[in-house]
Amino acid sequence: MKKIMKGAMIASVAALGLSLAACDSKKEEAAEATADAVEATTDATADAMDSQAAGMSGEAKDMMNDKADAVRASGNTEADAIRDKADKTN
């Protein structure tokens, strides 16, 4: 799971770097693409966690599902922040 999260962070940083190198209208498009990538990556991570939880039971299953929900929420929050920042700079 650490490899997935590390890959997600690297992809997010790379995409954010590309968005900073673009011109004004392209910056916003790049920020949107970055936000979409963040959401997709965190959703994929959360889906993998949900799949793991399916093989569990009881409290362990509940904890894994809660962690998956937290990963999803974190990704959505980060993506929203990226979009908001792009909106404020344009």
PDB file of N, CA and C in Angstrom:
ATOM      1  N   MET A   1       0.816  -1.176   0.000  1.00  0.00           N
ATOM      2  CA  MET A   1       0.000   0.000   0.000  1.00  0.00           C
ATOM      3  C   MET A   1       0.871   1.255   0.000  1.00  0.00           C
ATOM      4  N   LYS A   2       2.041   1.179   0.656  1.00  0.00           N
ATOM      5  CA  LYS A   2       2.915   2.344   0.676  1.00  0.00           C
ATOM      6  C   LYS A   2       3.386   2.685  -0.720  1.00  0.00           C
ATOM      7  N   LYS A   3       3.611   1.662  -1.555  1.00  0.00           N
ATOM      8  CA  LYS A   3       4.039   1.910  -2.929  1.00  0.00           C
ATOM      9  C   LYS A   3       2.959   2.638  -3.703  1.00  0.00           C
ATOM     10  N   ILE A   4       1.702   2.284  -3.474  1.00  0.00           N
ATOM     11  CA  ILE A   4       0.591   2.936  -4.164  1.00  0.00           C
ATOM     12  C   ILE A   4       0.525   4.410  -3.760  1.00  0.00           C
ATOM     13  N   MET A   5       0.615   4.664  -2.461  1.00  0.00           N
ATOM     14  CA  MET A   5       0.529   6.044  -1.980  1.00  0.00           C
ATOM     15  C   MET A   5       1.732   6.860  -2.455  1.00  0.00           C
ATOM     16  N   LYS A   6       2.922   6.237  -2.444  1.00  0.00           N
ATOM     17  CA  LYS A   6       4.121   6.941  -2.905  1.00  0.00           C
ATOM     18  C   LYS A   6       3.980   7.278  -4.382  1.00  0.00           C
ATOM     19  N   GLY A   7       3.476   6.325  -5.174  1.00  0.00           N
ATOM     20  CA  GLY A   7       3.261   6.569  -6.599  1.00  0.00           C
ATOM     21  C   GLY A   7       2.238   7.653  -6.830  1.00  0.00           C
ATOM     22  N   ALA A   8       1.213   7.668  -6.009  1.00  0.00           N
ATOM     23  CA  ALA A   8       0.171   8.689  -6.133  1.00  0.00           C
ATOM     24  C   ALA A   8       0.739  10.072  -5.852  1.00  0.00           C
ATOM     25  N   MET A   9       1.568  10.162  -4.837  1.00  0.00           N
ATOM     26  CA  MET A   9       2.153  11.452  -4.492  1.00  0.00           C
ATOM     27  C   MET A   9       3.116  11.930  -5.579  1.00  0.00           C
ATOM     28  N   ILE A  10       3.900  11.013  -6.126  1.00  0.00           N
ATOM     29  CA  ILE A  10       4.836  11.380  -7.193  1.00  0.00           C
ATOM     30  C   ILE A  10       4.068  11.870  -8.415  1.00  0.00           C
ATOM     31  N   ALA A  11       3.002  11.151  -8.766  1.00  0.00           N
ATOM     32  CA  ALA A  11       2.191  11.563  -9.912  1.00  0.00           C
ATOM     33  C   ALA A  11       1.552  12.927  -9.675  1.00  0.00           C
ATOM     34  N   SER A  12       1.095  13.162  -8.459  1.00  0.00           N
ATOM     35  CA  SER A  12       0.479  14.449  -8.131  1.00  0.00           C
ATOM     36  C   SER A  12       1.483  15.588  -8.237  1.00  0.00           C
ATOM     37  N   VAL A  13       2.667  15.368  -7.705  1.00  0.00           N
ATOM     38  CA  VAL A  13       3.700  16.410  -7.742  1.00  0.00           C
ATOM     39  C   VAL A  13       4.137  16.674  -9.177  1.00  0.00           C
ATOM     40  N   ALA A  14       4.295  15.609  -9.961  1.00  0.00           N
ATOM     41  CA  ALA A  14       4.699  15.782 -11.360  1.00  0.00           C
ATOM     42  C   ALA A  14       3.635  16.555 -12.140  1.00  0.00           C
ATOM     43  N   ALA A  15       2.397  16.203 -11.936  1.00  0.00           N
ATOM     44  CA  ALA A  15       1.320  16.894 -12.640  1.00  0.00           C
ATOM     45  C   ALA A  15       1.219  18.350 -12.184  1.00  0.00           C
ATOM     46  N   LEU A  16       1.412  18.588 -10.908  1.00  0.00           N
ATOM     47  CA  LEU A  16       1.373  19.953 -10.407  1.00  0.00           C
ATOM     48  C   LEU A  16       2.520  20.771 -10.998  1.00  0.00           C
ATOM     49  N   GLY A  17       3.681  20.156 -11.112  1.00  0.00           N
ATOM     50  CA  GLY A  17       4.818  20.836 -11.724  1.00  0.00           C
ATOM     51  C   GLY A  17       4.536  21.206 -13.164  1.00  0.00           C
ATOM     52  N   LEU A  18       3.893  20.323 -13.888  1.00  0.00           N
ATOM     53  CA  LEU A  18       3.527  20.623 -15.267  1.00  0.00           C
ATOM     54  C   LEU A  18       2.522  21.763 -15.330  1.00  0.00           C
ATOM     55  N   SER A  19       1.620  21.796 -14.378  1.00  0.00           N
ATOM     56  CA  SER A  19       0.616  22.867 -14.390  1.00  0.00           C
ATOM     57  C   SER A  19       1.251  24.226 -14.137  1.00  0.00           C
ATOM     58  N   LEU A  20       2.297  24.265 -13.357  1.00  0.00           N
ATOM     59  CA  LEU A  20       2.964  25.532 -13.068  1.00  0.00           C
ATOM     60  C   LEU A  20       3.753  26.050 -14.262  1.00  0.00           C
ATOM     61  N   ALA A  21       4.153  25.150 -15.151  1.00  0.00           N
ATOM     62  CA  ALA A  21       4.951  25.545 -16.307  1.00  0.00           C
ATOM     63  C   ALA A  21       4.086  26.037 -17.469  1.00  0.00           C
ATOM     64  N   ALA A  22       2.793  25.882 -17.396  1.00  0.00           N
ATOM     65  CA  ALA A  22       1.901  26.247 -18.491  1.00  0.00           C
ATOM     66  C   ALA A  22       1.525  27.730 -18.412  1.00  0.00           C
ATOM     67  N   CYS A  23       0.940  28.245 -19.514  1.00  0.00           N
ATOM     68  CA  CYS A  23       0.469  29.633 -19.489  1.00  0.00           C
ATOM     69  C   CYS A  23      -0.883  29.709 -18.789  1.00  0.00           C
ATOM     70  N   ASP A  24      -1.443  30.924 -18.653  1.00  0.00           N
ATOM     71  CA  ASP A  24      -2.616  31.133 -17.810  1.00  0.00           C
ATOM     72  C   ASP A  24      -3.765  30.167 -18.055  1.00  0.00           C
ATOM     73  N   SER A  25      -4.336  30.136 -19.241  1.00  0.00           N
ATOM     74  CA  SER A  25      -5.476  29.260 -19.463  1.00  0.00           C
ATOM     75  C   SER A  25      -5.055  27.794 -19.394  1.00  0.00           C
ATOM     76  N   LYS A  26      -3.856  27.531 -19.813  1.00  0.00           N
ATOM     77  CA  LYS A  26      -3.359  26.156 -19.741  1.00  0.00           C
ATOM     78  C   LYS A  26      -3.052  25.766 -18.303  1.00  0.00           C
ATOM     79  N   LYS A  27      -2.738  26.755 -17.466  1.00  0.00           N
ATOM     80  CA  LYS A  27      -2.502  26.468 -16.053  1.00  0.00           C
ATOM     81  C   LYS A  27      -3.769  25.902 -15.417  1.00  0.00           C
ATOM     82  N   GLU A  28      -4.871  26.527 -15.743  1.00  0.00           N
ATOM     83  CA  GLU A  28      -6.134  26.062 -15.165  1.00  0.00           C
ATOM     84  C   GLU A  28      -6.486  24.670 -15.674  1.00  0.00           C
ATOM     85  N   GLU A  29      -6.255  24.436 -16.964  1.00  0.00           N
ATOM     86  CA  GLU A  29      -6.502  23.110 -17.531  1.00  0.00           C
ATOM     87  C   GLU A  29      -5.590  22.070 -16.892  1.00  0.00           C
ATOM     88  N   ALA A  30      -4.339  22.435 -16.694  1.00  0.00           N
ATOM     89  CA  ALA A  30      -3.396  21.512 -16.072  1.00  0.00           C
ATOM     90  C   ALA A  30      -3.770  21.243 -14.617  1.00  0.00           C
ATOM     91  N   ALA A  31      -4.226  22.272 -13.923  1.00  0.00           N
ATOM     92  CA  ALA A  31      -4.654  22.098 -12.539  1.00  0.00           C
ATOM     93  C   ALA A  31      -5.860  21.165 -12.471  1.00  0.00           C
ATOM     94  N   GLU A  32      -6.758  21.319 -13.408  1.00  0.00           N
ATOM     95  CA  GLU A  32      -7.921  20.426 -13.463  1.00  0.00           C
ATOM     96  C   GLU A  32      -7.483  18.986 -13.717  1.00  0.00           C
ATOM     97  N   ALA A  33      -6.535  18.819 -14.628  1.00  0.00           N
ATOM     98  CA  ALA A  33      -6.010  17.477 -14.912  1.00  0.00           C
ATOM     99  C   ALA A  33      -5.310  16.902 -13.684  1.00  0.00           C
ATOM    100  N   THR A  34      -4.580  17.750 -12.977  1.00  0.00           N
ATOM    101  CA  THR A  34      -3.916  17.311 -11.751  1.00  0.00           C
ATOM    102  C   THR A  34      -4.951  16.885 -10.713  1.00  0.00           C
ATOM    103  N   ALA A  35      -5.966  17.693 -10.542  1.00  0.00           N
ATOM    104  CA  ALA A  35      -7.021  17.375  -9.577  1.00  0.00           C
ATOM    105  C   ALA A  35      -7.709  16.061  -9.946  1.00  0.00           C
ATOM    106  N   ASP A  36      -7.982  15.882 -11.234  1.00  0.00           N
ATOM    107  CA  ASP A  36      -8.593  14.633 -11.684  1.00  0.00           C
ATOM    108  C   ASP A  36      -7.687  13.442 -11.400  1.00  0.00           C
ATOM    109  N   ALA A  37      -6.382  13.623 -11.629  1.00  0.00           N
ATOM    110  CA  ALA A  37      -5.421  12.541 -11.378  1.00  0.00           C
ATOM    111  C   ALA A  37      -5.343  12.198  -9.893  1.00  0.00           C
ATOM    112  N   VAL A  38      -5.385  13.230  -9.054  1.00  0.00           N
ATOM    113  CA  VAL A  38      -5.369  13.001  -7.610  1.00  0.00           C
ATOM    114  C   VAL A  38      -6.593  12.200  -7.198  1.00  0.00           C
ATOM    115  N   GLU A  39      -7.750  12.612  -7.695  1.00  0.00           N
ATOM    116  CA  GLU A  39      -8.986  11.885  -7.364  1.00  0.00           C
ATOM    117  C   GLU A  39      -8.942  10.452  -7.870  1.00  0.00           C
ATOM    118  N   ALA A  40      -8.487  10.261  -9.091  1.00  0.00           N
ATOM    119  CA  ALA A  40      -8.432   8.914  -9.663  1.00  0.00           C
ATOM    120  C   ALA A  40      -7.477   8.020  -8.875  1.00  0.00           C
ATOM    121  N   THR A  41      -6.351   8.572  -8.505  1.00  0.00           N
ATOM    122  CA  THR A  41      -5.352   7.792  -7.774  1.00  0.00           C
ATOM    123  C   THR A  41      -5.851   7.422  -6.384  1.00  0.00           C
ATOM    124  N   THR A  42      -6.415   8.392  -5.694  1.00  0.00           N
ATOM    125  CA  THR A  42      -6.894   8.093  -4.348  1.00  0.00           C
ATOM    126  C   THR A  42      -8.119   7.181  -4.385  1.00  0.00           C
ATOM    127  N   ASP A  43      -8.957   7.329  -5.405  1.00  0.00           N
ATOM    128  CA  ASP A  43     -10.095   6.414  -5.547  1.00  0.00           C
ATOM    129  C   ASP A  43      -9.612   4.990  -5.804  1.00  0.00           C
ATOM    130  N   ALA A  44      -8.588   4.843  -6.638  1.00  0.00           N
ATOM    131  CA  ALA A  44      -8.044   3.510  -6.915  1.00  0.00           C
ATOM    132  C   ALA A  44      -7.442   2.899  -5.648  1.00  0.00           C
ATOM    133  N   THR A  45      -6.754   3.723  -4.883  1.00  0.00           N
ATOM    134  CA  THR A  45      -6.181   3.245  -3.623  1.00  0.00           C
ATOM    135  C   THR A  45      -7.285   2.819  -2.669  1.00  0.00           C
ATOM    136  N   ALA A  46      -8.308   3.641  -2.548  1.00  0.00           N
ATOM    137  CA  ALA A  46      -9.433   3.324  -1.663  1.00  0.00           C
ATOM    138  C   ALA A  46     -10.176   2.079  -2.140  1.00  0.00           C
ATOM    139  N   ASP A  47     -10.321   1.928  -3.447  1.00  0.00           N
ATOM    140  CA  ASP A  47     -10.967   0.725  -3.983  1.00  0.00           C
ATOM    141  C   ASP A  47     -10.169  -0.529  -3.634  1.00  0.00           C
ATOM    142  N   ALA A  48      -8.849  -0.436  -3.715  1.00  0.00           N
ATOM    143  CA  ALA A  48      -8.002  -1.567  -3.343  1.00  0.00           C
ATOM    144  C   ALA A  48      -8.162  -1.903  -1.867  1.00  0.00           C
ATOM    145  N   MET A  49      -8.275  -0.864  -1.053  1.00  0.00           N
ATOM    146  CA  MET A  49      -8.482  -1.079   0.376  1.00  0.00           C
ATOM    147  C   MET A  49      -9.847  -1.717   0.641  1.00  0.00           C
ATOM    148  N   ASP A  50     -10.858  -1.271  -0.099  1.00  0.00           N
ATOM    149  CA  ASP A  50     -12.191  -1.875   0.028  1.00  0.00           C
ATOM    150  C   ASP A  50     -12.159  -3.348  -0.357  1.00  0.00           C
ATOM    151  N   SER A  51     -11.383  -3.663  -1.390  1.00  0.00           N
ATOM    152  CA  SER A  51     -11.250  -5.062  -1.815  1.00  0.00           C
ATOM    153  C   SER A  51     -10.591  -5.894  -0.722  1.00  0.00           C
ATOM    154  N   GLN A  52      -9.584  -5.323  -0.085  1.00  0.00           N
ATOM    155  CA  GLN A  52      -8.944  -6.024   1.031  1.00  0.00           C
ATOM    156  C   GLN A  52      -9.931  -6.221   2.173  1.00  0.00           C
ATOM    157  N   ALA A  53     -10.724  -5.216   2.431  1.00  0.00           N
ATOM    158  CA  ALA A  53     -11.695  -5.282   3.525  1.00  0.00           C
ATOM    159  C   ALA A  53     -12.737  -6.368   3.275  1.00  0.00           C
ATOM    160  N   ALA A  54     -13.035  -6.613   2.001  1.00  0.00           N
ATOM    161  CA  ALA A  54     -14.036  -7.628   1.672  1.00  0.00           C
ATOM    162  C   ALA A  54     -13.623  -9.002   2.181  1.00  0.00           C
ATOM    163  N   GLY A  55     -12.328  -9.235   2.294  1.00  0.00           N
ATOM    164  CA  GLY A  55     -11.837 -10.518   2.792  1.00  0.00           C
ATOM    165  C   GLY A  55     -11.686 -10.559   4.301  1.00  0.00           C
ATOM    166  N   MET A  56     -12.057  -9.501   4.962  1.00  0.00           N
ATOM    167  CA  MET A  56     -11.936  -9.406   6.419  1.00  0.00           C
ATOM    168  C   MET A  56     -13.312  -9.507   7.053  1.00  0.00           C
ATOM    169  N   SER A  57     -13.309  -9.504   8.375  1.00  0.00           N
ATOM    170  CA  SER A  57     -14.588  -9.498   9.081  1.00  0.00           C
ATOM    171  C   SER A  57     -14.465  -8.686  10.357  1.00  0.00           C
ATOM    172  N   GLY A  58     -15.601  -8.338  10.889  1.00  0.00           N
ATOM    173  CA  GLY A  58     -15.660  -7.655  12.171  1.00  0.00           C
ATOM    174  C   GLY A  58     -14.990  -6.297  12.186  1.00  0.00           C
ATOM    175  N   GLU A  59     -14.285  -6.044  13.280  1.00  0.00           N
ATOM    176  CA  GLU A  59     -13.674  -4.740  13.503  1.00  0.00           C
ATOM    177  C   GLU A  59     -12.575  -4.438  12.484  1.00  0.00           C
ATOM    178  N   ALA A  60     -11.831  -5.460  12.071  1.00  0.00           N
ATOM    179  CA  ALA A  60     -10.766  -5.248  11.083  1.00  0.00           C
ATOM    180  C   ALA A  60     -11.357  -4.755   9.763  1.00  0.00           C
ATOM    181  N   LYS A  61     -12.480  -5.326   9.369  1.00  0.00           N
ATOM    182  CA  LYS A  61     -13.153  -4.910   8.141  1.00  0.00           C
ATOM    183  C   LYS A  61     -13.636  -3.465   8.258  1.00  0.00           C
ATOM    184  N   ASP A  62     -14.249  -3.151   9.394  1.00  0.00           N
ATOM    185  CA  ASP A  62     -14.742  -1.792   9.616  1.00  0.00           C
ATOM    186  C   ASP A  62     -13.602  -0.774   9.587  1.00  0.00           C
ATOM    187  N   MET A  63     -12.478  -1.128  10.202  1.00  0.00           N
ATOM    188  CA  MET A  63     -11.329  -0.215  10.231  1.00  0.00           C
ATOM    189  C   MET A  63     -10.769  -0.002   8.827  1.00  0.00           C
ATOM    190  N   MET A  64     -10.691  -1.070   8.045  1.00  0.00           N
ATOM    191  CA  MET A  64     -10.166  -0.935   6.681  1.00  0.00           C
ATOM    192  C   MET A  64     -11.110  -0.099   5.828  1.00  0.00           C
ATOM    193  N   ASN A  65     -12.405  -0.311   5.976  1.00  0.00           N
ATOM    194  CA  ASN A  65     -13.371   0.505   5.239  1.00  0.00           C
ATOM    195  C   ASN A  65     -13.290   1.973   5.650  1.00  0.00           C
ATOM    196  N   ASP A  66     -13.092   2.219   6.951  1.00  0.00           N
ATOM    197  CA  ASP A  66     -12.938   3.599   7.431  1.00  0.00           C
ATOM    198  C   ASP A  66     -11.688   4.244   6.840  1.00  0.00           C
ATOM    199  N   LYS A  67     -10.598   3.472   6.758  1.00  0.00           N
ATOM    200  CA  LYS A  67      -9.368   3.994   6.171  1.00  0.00           C
ATOM    201  C   LYS A  67      -9.580   4.308   4.687  1.00  0.00           C
ATOM    202  N   ALA A  68     -10.295   3.441   3.987  1.00  0.00           N
ATOM    203  CA  ALA A  68     -10.578   3.677   2.569  1.00  0.00           C
ATOM    204  C   ALA A  68     -11.395   4.955   2.395  1.00  0.00           C
ATOM    205  N   ASP A  69     -12.382   5.135   3.250  1.00  0.00           N
ATOM    206  CA  ASP A  69     -13.190   6.361   3.201  1.00  0.00           C
ATOM    207  C   ASP A  69     -12.332   7.596   3.460  1.00  0.00           C
ATOM    208  N   ALA A  70     -11.387   7.487   4.390  1.00  0.00           N
ATOM    209  CA  ALA A  70     -10.508   8.610   4.704  1.00  0.00           C
ATOM    210  C   ALA A  70      -9.588   8.935   3.525  1.00  0.00           C
ATOM    211  N   VAL A  71      -9.098   7.909   2.857  1.00  0.00           N
ATOM    212  CA  VAL A  71      -8.242   8.120   1.681  1.00  0.00           C
ATOM    213  C   VAL A  71      -9.036   8.835   0.592  1.00  0.00           C
ATOM    214  N   ARG A  72     -10.263   8.375   0.355  1.00  0.00           N
ATOM    215  CA  ARG A  72     -11.124   9.014  -0.649  1.00  0.00           C
ATOM    216  C   ARG A  72     -11.378  10.476  -0.295  1.00  0.00           C
ATOM    217  N   ALA A  73     -11.725  10.727   0.946  1.00  0.00           N
ATOM    218  CA  ALA A  73     -12.015  12.095   1.386  1.00  0.00           C
ATOM    219  C   ALA A  73     -10.776  12.980   1.264  1.00  0.00           C
ATOM    220  N   SER A  74      -9.630  12.443   1.624  1.00  0.00           N
ATOM    221  CA  SER A  74      -8.381  13.196   1.518  1.00  0.00           C
ATOM    222  C   SER A  74      -8.088  13.567   0.063  1.00  0.00           C
ATOM    223  N   GLY A  75      -8.302  12.626  -0.838  1.00  0.00           N
ATOM    224  CA  GLY A  75      -8.092  12.898  -2.261  1.00  0.00           C
ATOM    225  C   GLY A  75      -9.038  13.957  -2.783  1.00  0.00           C
ATOM    226  N   ASN A  76     -10.288  13.878  -2.368  1.00  0.00           N
ATOM    227  CA  ASN A  76     -11.270  14.880  -2.798  1.00  0.00           C
ATOM    228  C   ASN A  76     -10.928  16.257  -2.253  1.00  0.00           C
ATOM    229  N   THR A  77     -10.483  16.314  -1.018  1.00  0.00           N
ATOM    230  CA  THR A  77     -10.090  17.587  -0.410  1.00  0.00           C
ATOM    231  C   THR A  77      -8.893  18.184  -1.138  1.00  0.00           C
ATOM    232  N   GLU A  78      -7.899  17.336  -1.420  1.00  0.00           N
ATOM    233  CA  GLU A  78      -6.708  17.816  -2.134  1.00  0.00           C
ATOM    234  C   GLU A  78      -7.077  18.301  -3.541  1.00  0.00           C
ATOM    235  N   ALA A  79      -7.916  17.549  -4.224  1.00  0.00           N
ATOM    236  CA  ALA A  79      -8.336  17.931  -5.578  1.00  0.00           C
ATOM    237  C   ALA A  79      -9.110  19.249  -5.554  1.00  0.00           C
ATOM    238  N   ASP A  80      -9.989  19.405  -4.580  1.00  0.00           N
ATOM    239  CA  ASP A  80     -10.740  20.659  -4.456  1.00  0.00           C
ATOM    240  C   ASP A  80      -9.804  21.841  -4.201  1.00  0.00           C
ATOM    241  N   ALA A  81      -8.784  21.628  -3.375  1.00  0.00           N
ATOM    242  CA  ALA A  81      -7.822  22.693  -3.085  1.00  0.00           C
ATOM    243  C   ALA A  81      -7.047  23.079  -4.341  1.00  0.00           C
ATOM    244  N   ILE A  82      -6.691  22.110  -5.149  1.00  0.00           N
ATOM    245  CA  ILE A  82      -5.982  22.376  -6.402  1.00  0.00           C
ATOM    246  C   ILE A  82      -6.862  23.204  -7.330  1.00  0.00           C
ATOM    247  N   ARG A  83      -8.118  22.811  -7.449  1.00  0.00           N
ATOM    248  CA  ARG A  83      -9.061  23.547  -8.311  1.00  0.00           C
ATOM    249  C   ARG A  83      -9.293  24.966  -7.789  1.00  0.00           C
ATOM    250  N   ASP A  84      -9.464  25.103  -6.472  1.00  0.00           N
ATOM    251  CA  ASP A  84      -9.690  26.427  -5.887  1.00  0.00           C
ATOM    252  C   ASP A  84      -8.500  27.342  -6.122  1.00  0.00           C
ATOM    253  N   LYS A  85      -7.303  26.808  -5.946  1.00  0.00           N
ATOM    254  CA  LYS A  85      -6.102  27.606  -6.165  1.00  0.00           C
ATOM    255  C   LYS A  85      -6.012  28.068  -7.620  1.00  0.00           C
ATOM    256  N   ALA A  86      -6.349  27.178  -8.540  1.00  0.00           N
ATOM    257  CA  ALA A  86      -6.312  27.531  -9.963  1.00  0.00           C
ATOM    258  C   ALA A  86      -7.344  28.609 -10.280  1.00  0.00           C
ATOM    259  N   ASP A  87      -8.497  28.510  -9.669  1.00  0.00           N
ATOM    260  CA  ASP A  87      -9.546  29.506  -9.884  1.00  0.00           C
ATOM    261  C   ASP A  87      -9.131  30.885  -9.352  1.00  0.00           C
ATOM    262  N   LYS A  88      -8.436  30.905  -8.238  1.00  0.00           N
ATOM    263  CA  LYS A  88      -8.043  32.171  -7.611  1.00  0.00           C
ATOM    264  C   LYS A  88      -6.893  32.845  -8.363  1.00  0.00           C
ATOM    265  N   THR A  89      -6.066  32.063  -9.027  1.00  0.00           N
ATOM    266  CA  THR A  89      -4.929  32.646  -9.733  1.00  0.00           C
ATOM    267  C   THR A  89      -5.275  33.094 -11.133  1.00  0.00           C
ATOM    268  N   ASN A  90      -6.444  32.746 -11.623  1.00  0.00           N
ATOM    269  CA  ASN A  90      -6.843  33.141 -12.988  1.00  0.00           C
ATOM    270  C   ASN A  90      -7.928  34.164 -12.979  1.00  0.00           C
TER     271      ASN A  90
END
